[in-house]
């Protein structure tokens, strides 16, 4: 199955994108999750958002807003 992964910054702008060919959604989720770090990673199958993996920057911004 073909998936796309987008690494996005805190303004939701795409930093980079990659195509993933995976046997199933679980494998795609595992590979996408390994890509996250400072920024968020979005996993898409066609026009369906499969998952968002929050990066360290996203978590920091969230706690800054709640203070």
PDB file of N, CA and C in Angstrom:
ATOM      1  N   UNK A   1       0.843  -1.174   0.000  1.00  0.00           N
ATOM      2  CA  UNK A   1       0.000   0.000   0.000  1.00  0.00           C
ATOM      3  C   UNK A   1       0.889   1.238   0.000  1.00  0.00           C
ATOM      4  N   UNK A   2       0.425   2.288  -0.602  1.00  0.00           N
ATOM      5  CA  UNK A   2       1.209   3.516  -0.714  1.00  0.00           C
ATOM      6  C   UNK A   2       0.692   4.566   0.273  1.00  0.00           C
ATOM      7  N   UNK A   3       1.629   5.116   1.018  1.00  0.00           N
ATOM      8  CA  UNK A   3       1.353   6.171   1.995  1.00  0.00           C
ATOM      9  C   UNK A   3       2.277   7.340   1.722  1.00  0.00           C
ATOM     10  N   UNK A   4       1.913   8.497   2.293  1.00  0.00           N
ATOM     11  CA  UNK A   4       2.789   9.666   2.243  1.00  0.00           C
ATOM     12  C   UNK A   4       2.990  10.154   3.667  1.00  0.00           C
ATOM     13  N   UNK A   5       4.192  10.620   3.922  1.00  0.00           N
ATOM     14  CA  UNK A   5       4.538  11.154   5.232  1.00  0.00           C
ATOM     15  C   UNK A   5       4.966  12.603   5.039  1.00  0.00           C
ATOM     16  N   UNK A   6       4.435  13.471   5.896  1.00  0.00           N
ATOM     17  CA  UNK A   6       4.799  14.881   5.861  1.00  0.00           C
ATOM     18  C   UNK A   6       5.338  15.285   7.219  1.00  0.00           C
ATOM     19  N   UNK A   7       6.508  15.908   7.224  1.00  0.00           N
ATOM     20  CA  UNK A   7       7.054  16.499   8.443  1.00  0.00           C
ATOM     21  C   UNK A   7       6.655  17.969   8.375  1.00  0.00           C
ATOM     22  N   UNK A   8       5.956  18.450   9.420  1.00  0.00           N
ATOM     23  CA  UNK A   8       5.435  19.813   9.411  1.00  0.00           C
ATOM     24  C   UNK A   8       5.964  20.599  10.612  1.00  0.00           C
ATOM     25  N   UNK A   9       6.164  21.902  10.404  1.00  0.00           N
ATOM     26  CA  UNK A   9       6.653  22.743  11.490  1.00  0.00           C
ATOM     27  C   UNK A   9       5.475  23.224  12.345  1.00  0.00           C
ATOM     28  N   UNK A  10       5.749  24.082  13.312  1.00  0.00           N
ATOM     29  CA  UNK A  10       4.718  24.534  14.240  1.00  0.00           C
ATOM     30  C   UNK A  10       3.644  25.375  13.560  1.00  0.00           C
ATOM     31  N   UNK A  11       3.920  25.889  12.364  1.00  0.00           N
ATOM     32  CA  UNK A  11       2.930  26.651  11.591  1.00  0.00           C
ATOM     33  C   UNK A  11       2.193  25.763  10.596  1.00  0.00           C
ATOM     34  N   UNK A  12       2.397  24.461  10.686  1.00  0.00           N
ATOM     35  CA  UNK A  12       1.780  23.449   9.819  1.00  0.00           C
ATOM     36  C   UNK A  12       2.295  23.515   8.390  1.00  0.00           C
ATOM     37  N   UNK A  13       3.465  24.129   8.177  1.00  0.00           N
ATOM     38  CA  UNK A  13       4.092  24.145   6.853  1.00  0.00           C
ATOM     39  C   UNK A  13       4.913  22.873   6.679  1.00  0.00           C
ATOM     40  N   UNK A  14       4.848  22.316   5.486  1.00  0.00           N
ATOM     41  CA  UNK A  14       5.573  21.081   5.192  1.00  0.00           C
ATOM     42  C   UNK A  14       7.067  21.366   5.084  1.00  0.00           C
ATOM     43  N   UNK A  15       7.840  20.658   5.890  1.00  0.00           N
ATOM     44  CA  UNK A  15       9.296  20.757   5.857  1.00  0.00           C
ATOM     45  C   UNK A  15       9.843  19.766   4.837  1.00  0.00           C
ATOM     46  N   UNK A  16       9.310  18.555   4.866  1.00  0.00           N
ATOM     47  CA  UNK A  16       9.697  17.545   3.881  1.00  0.00           C
ATOM     48  C   UNK A  16       8.583  16.519   3.751  1.00  0.00           C
ATOM     49  N   UNK A  17       8.632  15.788   2.671  1.00  0.00           N
ATOM     50  CA  UNK A  17       7.619  14.767   2.388  1.00  0.00           C
ATOM     51  C   UNK A  17       8.319  13.530   1.846  1.00  0.00           C
ATOM     52  N   UNK A  18       7.695  12.379   2.082  1.00  0.00           N
ATOM     53  CA  UNK A  18       8.256  11.120   1.577  1.00  0.00           C
ATOM     54  C   UNK A  18       7.115  10.163   1.255  1.00  0.00           C
ATOM     55  N   UNK A  19       7.377   9.292   0.297  1.00  0.00           N
ATOM     56  CA  UNK A  19       6.433   8.223  -0.032  1.00  0.00           C
ATOM     57  C   UNK A  19       6.860   6.976   0.715  1.00  0.00           C
ATOM     58  N   UNK A  20       5.884   6.247   1.220  1.00  0.00           N
ATOM     59  CA  UNK A  20       6.155   4.975   1.890  1.00  0.00           C
ATOM     60  C   UNK A  20       5.352   3.880   1.205  1.00  0.00           C
ATOM     61  N   UNK A  21       6.011   2.805   0.858  1.00  0.00           N
ATOM     62  CA  UNK A  21       5.329   1.609   0.382  1.00  0.00           C
ATOM     63  C   UNK A  21       5.411   0.593   1.501  1.00  0.00           C
ATOM     64  N   UNK A  22       4.263   0.299   2.100  1.00  0.00           N
ATOM     65  CA  UNK A  22       4.224  -0.610   3.252  1.00  0.00           C
ATOM     66  C   UNK A  22       3.195  -1.700   3.018  1.00  0.00           C
ATOM     67  N   UNK A  23       3.401  -2.804   3.701  1.00  0.00           N
ATOM     68  CA  UNK A  23       2.506  -3.944   3.540  1.00  0.00           C
ATOM     69  C   UNK A  23       1.103  -3.661   4.093  1.00  0.00           C
ATOM     70  N   UNK A  24       1.027  -2.842   5.165  1.00  0.00           N
ATOM     71  CA  UNK A  24      -0.266  -2.508   5.749  1.00  0.00           C
ATOM     72  C   UNK A  24      -0.146  -1.223   6.563  1.00  0.00           C
ATOM     73  N   UNK A  25      -1.267  -0.785   7.122  1.00  0.00           N
ATOM     74  CA  UNK A  25      -1.292   0.468   7.872  1.00  0.00           C
ATOM     75  C   UNK A  25      -0.418   0.408   9.117  1.00  0.00           C
ATOM     76  N   UNK A  26      -0.399  -0.721   9.786  1.00  0.00           N
ATOM     77  CA  UNK A  26       0.424  -0.853  10.986  1.00  0.00           C
ATOM     78  C   UNK A  26       1.906  -0.636  10.667  1.00  0.00           C
ATOM     79  N   UNK A  27       2.376  -1.202   9.582  1.00  0.00           N
ATOM     80  CA  UNK A  27       3.776  -1.019   9.177  1.00  0.00           C
ATOM     81  C   UNK A  27       4.042   0.445   8.826  1.00  0.00           C
ATOM     82  N   UNK A  28       3.087   1.090   8.170  1.00  0.00           N
ATOM     83  CA  UNK A  28       3.241   2.505   7.821  1.00  0.00           C
ATOM     84  C   UNK A  28       3.296   3.365   9.070  1.00  0.00           C
ATOM     85  N   UNK A  29       2.447   3.061  10.044  1.00  0.00           N
ATOM     86  CA  UNK A  29       2.459   3.810  11.308  1.00  0.00           C
ATOM     87  C   UNK A  29       3.806   3.667  12.013  1.00  0.00           C
ATOM     88  N   UNK A  30       4.339   2.473  12.045  1.00  0.00           N
ATOM     89  CA  UNK A  30       5.641   2.240  12.697  1.00  0.00           C
ATOM     90  C   UNK A  30       6.744   3.040  12.027  1.00  0.00           C
ATOM     91  N   UNK A  31       6.764   3.029  10.703  1.00  0.00           N
ATOM     92  CA  UNK A  31       7.810   3.770   9.982  1.00  0.00           C
ATOM     93  C   UNK A  31       7.662   5.269  10.165  1.00  0.00           C
ATOM     94  N   UNK A  32       6.436   5.774  10.124  1.00  0.00           N
ATOM     95  CA  UNK A  32       6.206   7.212  10.298  1.00  0.00           C
ATOM     96  C   UNK A  32       6.563   7.658  11.713  1.00  0.00           C
ATOM     97  N   UNK A  33       6.217   6.853  12.690  1.00  0.00           N
ATOM     98  CA  UNK A  33       6.511   7.202  14.079  1.00  0.00           C
ATOM     99  C   UNK A  33       8.018   7.313  14.315  1.00  0.00           C
ATOM    100  N   UNK A  34       8.791   6.498  13.634  1.00  0.00           N
ATOM    101  CA  UNK A  34      10.247   6.549  13.766  1.00  0.00           C
ATOM    102  C   UNK A  34      10.827   7.846  13.207  1.00  0.00           C
ATOM    103  N   UNK A  35      10.069   8.541  12.360  1.00  0.00           N
ATOM    104  CA  UNK A  35      10.562   9.759  11.727  1.00  0.00           C
ATOM    105  C   UNK A  35      10.354  11.001  12.580  1.00  0.00           C
ATOM    106  N   UNK A  36       9.501  10.916  13.602  1.00  0.00           N
ATOM    107  CA  UNK A  36       9.232  12.147  14.343  1.00  0.00           C
ATOM    108  C   UNK A  36      10.326  12.432  15.351  1.00  0.00           C
ATOM    109  N   UNK A  37      10.511  13.702  15.611  1.00  0.00           N
ATOM    110  CA  UNK A  37      11.543  14.175  16.528  1.00  0.00           C
ATOM    111  C   UNK A  37      11.114  15.530  17.045  1.00  0.00           C
ATOM    112  N   UNK A  38      11.725  16.567  16.531  1.00  0.00           N
ATOM    113  CA  UNK A  38      11.363  17.931  16.938  1.00  0.00           C
ATOM    114  C   UNK A  38      10.012  18.353  16.368  1.00  0.00           C
ATOM    115  N   UNK A  39       9.724  17.945  15.136  1.00  0.00           N
ATOM    116  CA  UNK A  39       8.513  18.393  14.441  1.00  0.00           C
ATOM    117  C   UNK A  39       7.485  17.275  14.346  1.00  0.00           C
ATOM    118  N   UNK A  40       6.241  17.665  14.060  1.00  0.00           N
ATOM    119  CA  UNK A  40       5.159  16.696  13.904  1.00  0.00           C
ATOM    120  C   UNK A  40       5.314  15.943  12.590  1.00  0.00           C
ATOM    121  N   UNK A  41       4.820  14.717  12.576  1.00  0.00           N
ATOM    122  CA  UNK A  41       4.813  13.894  11.368  1.00  0.00           C
ATOM    123  C   UNK A  41       3.370  13.467  11.113  1.00  0.00           C
ATOM    124  N   UNK A  42       2.899  13.701   9.894  1.00  0.00           N
ATOM    125  CA  UNK A  42       1.558  13.289   9.492  1.00  0.00           C
ATOM    126  C   UNK A  42       1.677  12.131   8.508  1.00  0.00           C
ATOM    127  N   UNK A  43       0.872  11.113   8.718  1.00  0.00           N
ATOM    128  CA  UNK A  43       0.817   9.950   7.831  1.00  0.00           C
ATOM    129  C   UNK A  43      -0.511   9.984   7.085  1.00  0.00           C
ATOM    130  N   UNK A  44      -0.429   9.928   5.753  1.00  0.00           N
ATOM    131  CA  UNK A  44      -1.616   9.992   4.902  1.00  0.00           C
ATOM    132  C   UNK A  44      -1.677   8.782   3.976  1.00  0.00           C
ATOM    133  N   UNK A  45      -2.889   8.321   3.736  1.00  0.00           N
ATOM    134  CA  UNK A  45      -3.155   7.329   2.690  1.00  0.00           C
ATOM    135  C   UNK A  45      -4.132   7.996   1.728  1.00  0.00           C
ATOM    136  N   UNK A  46      -3.635   8.433   0.595  1.00  0.00           N
ATOM    137  CA  UNK A  46      -4.470   9.215  -0.322  1.00  0.00           C
ATOM    138  C   UNK A  46      -4.884  10.506   0.356  1.00  0.00           C
ATOM    139  N   UNK A  47      -6.197  10.759   0.424  1.00  0.00           N
ATOM    140  CA  UNK A  47      -6.687  11.972   1.081  1.00  0.00           C
ATOM    141  C   UNK A  47      -7.157  11.718   2.512  1.00  0.00           C
ATOM    142  N   UNK A  48      -6.820  10.553   3.059  1.00  0.00           N
ATOM    143  CA  UNK A  48      -7.217  10.194   4.428  1.00  0.00           C
ATOM    144  C   UNK A  48      -6.026  10.350   5.377  1.00  0.00           C
ATOM    145  N   UNK A  49      -6.220  11.203   6.392  1.00  0.00           N
ATOM    146  CA  UNK A  49      -5.206  11.360   7.425  1.00  0.00           C
ATOM    147  C   UNK A  49      -5.275  10.135   8.332  1.00  0.00           C
ATOM    148  N   UNK A  50      -4.186   9.384   8.376  1.00  0.00           N
ATOM    149  CA  UNK A  50      -4.138   8.145   9.153  1.00  0.00           C
ATOM    150  C   UNK A  50      -3.732   8.430  10.596  1.00  0.00           C
ATOM    151  N   UNK A  51      -2.671   9.235  10.778  1.00  0.00           N
ATOM    152  CA  UNK A  51      -2.167   9.491  12.127  1.00  0.00           C
ATOM    153  C   UNK A  51      -1.292  10.734  12.131  1.00  0.00           C
ATOM    154  N   UNK A  52      -1.197  11.350  13.310  1.00  0.00           N
ATOM    155  CA  UNK A  52      -0.274  12.459  13.539  1.00  0.00           C
ATOM    156  C   UNK A  52       0.580  12.074  14.737  1.00  0.00           C
ATOM    157  N   UNK A  53       1.880  12.159  14.559  1.00  0.00           N
ATOM    158  CA  UNK A  53       2.831  11.880  15.638  1.00  0.00           C
ATOM    159  C   UNK A  53       3.420  13.215  16.060  1.00  0.00           C
ATOM    160  N   UNK A  54       3.118  13.614  17.293  1.00  0.00           N
ATOM    161  CA  UNK A  54       3.529  14.924  17.801  1.00  0.00           C
ATOM    162  C   UNK A  54       5.006  14.939  18.137  1.00  0.00           C
ATOM    163  N   UNK A  55       5.673  15.984  17.675  1.00  0.00           N
ATOM    164  CA  UNK A  55       7.089  16.154  17.953  1.00  0.00           C
ATOM    165  C   UNK A  55       7.319  16.947  19.222  1.00  0.00           C
ATOM    166  N   UNK A  56       8.567  17.068  19.606  1.00  0.00           N
ATOM    167  CA  UNK A  56       8.939  17.777  20.830  1.00  0.00           C
ATOM    168  C   UNK A  56       8.529  19.246  20.764  1.00  0.00           C
ATOM    169  N   UNK A  57       8.655  19.881  19.614  1.00  0.00           N
ATOM    170  CA  UNK A  57       8.284  21.288  19.469  1.00  0.00           C
ATOM    171  C   UNK A  57       6.791  21.470  19.699  1.00  0.00           C
ATOM    172  N   UNK A  58       5.989  20.580  19.172  1.00  0.00           N
ATOM    173  CA  UNK A  58       4.545  20.651  19.330  1.00  0.00           C
ATOM    174  C   UNK A  58       4.164  20.515  20.797  1.00  0.00           C
ATOM    175  N   UNK A  59       4.771  19.581  21.500  1.00  0.00           N
ATOM    176  CA  UNK A  59       4.479  19.381  22.916  1.00  0.00           C
ATOM    177  C   UNK A  59       4.907  20.580  23.740  1.00  0.00           C
ATOM    178  N   UNK A  60       6.036  21.190  23.401  1.00  0.00           N
ATOM    179  CA  UNK A  60       6.516  22.374  24.114  1.00  0.00           C
ATOM    180  C   UNK A  60       5.558  23.536  23.901  1.00  0.00           C
ATOM    181  N   UNK A  61       5.122  23.757  22.655  1.00  0.00           N
ATOM    182  CA  UNK A  61       4.196  24.845  22.361  1.00  0.00           C
ATOM    183  C   UNK A  61       2.881  24.665  23.114  1.00  0.00           C
ATOM    184  N   UNK A  62       2.415  23.452  23.230  1.00  0.00           N
ATOM    185  CA  UNK A  62       1.172  23.172  23.926  1.00  0.00           C
ATOM    186  C   UNK A  62       1.300  23.535  25.400  1.00  0.00           C
ATOM    187  N   UNK A  63       2.418  23.186  26.049  1.00  0.00           N
ATOM    188  CA  UNK A  63       2.577  23.499  27.470  1.00  0.00           C
ATOM    189  C   UNK A  63       2.821  24.992  27.676  1.00  0.00           C
ATOM    190  N   UNK A  64       3.423  25.690  26.700  1.00  0.00           N
ATOM    191  CA  UNK A  64       3.599  27.139  26.799  1.00  0.00           C
ATOM    192  C   UNK A  64       2.248  27.836  26.792  1.00  0.00           C
ATOM    193  N   UNK A  65       1.312  27.360  25.964  1.00  0.00           N
ATOM    194  CA  UNK A  65      -0.004  27.968  25.858  1.00  0.00           C
ATOM    195  C   UNK A  65      -0.841  27.743  27.105  1.00  0.00           C
ATOM    196  N   UNK A  66      -0.630  26.639  27.786  1.00  0.00           N
ATOM    197  CA  UNK A  66      -1.457  26.337  28.958  1.00  0.00           C
ATOM    198  C   UNK A  66      -0.981  27.057  30.213  1.00  0.00           C
ATOM    199  N   UNK A  67       0.184  27.710  30.157  1.00  0.00           N
ATOM    200  CA  UNK A  67       0.712  28.421  31.330  1.00  0.00           C
ATOM    201  C   UNK A  67       0.063  29.769  31.512  1.00  0.00           C
TER     202      UNK A  67
END
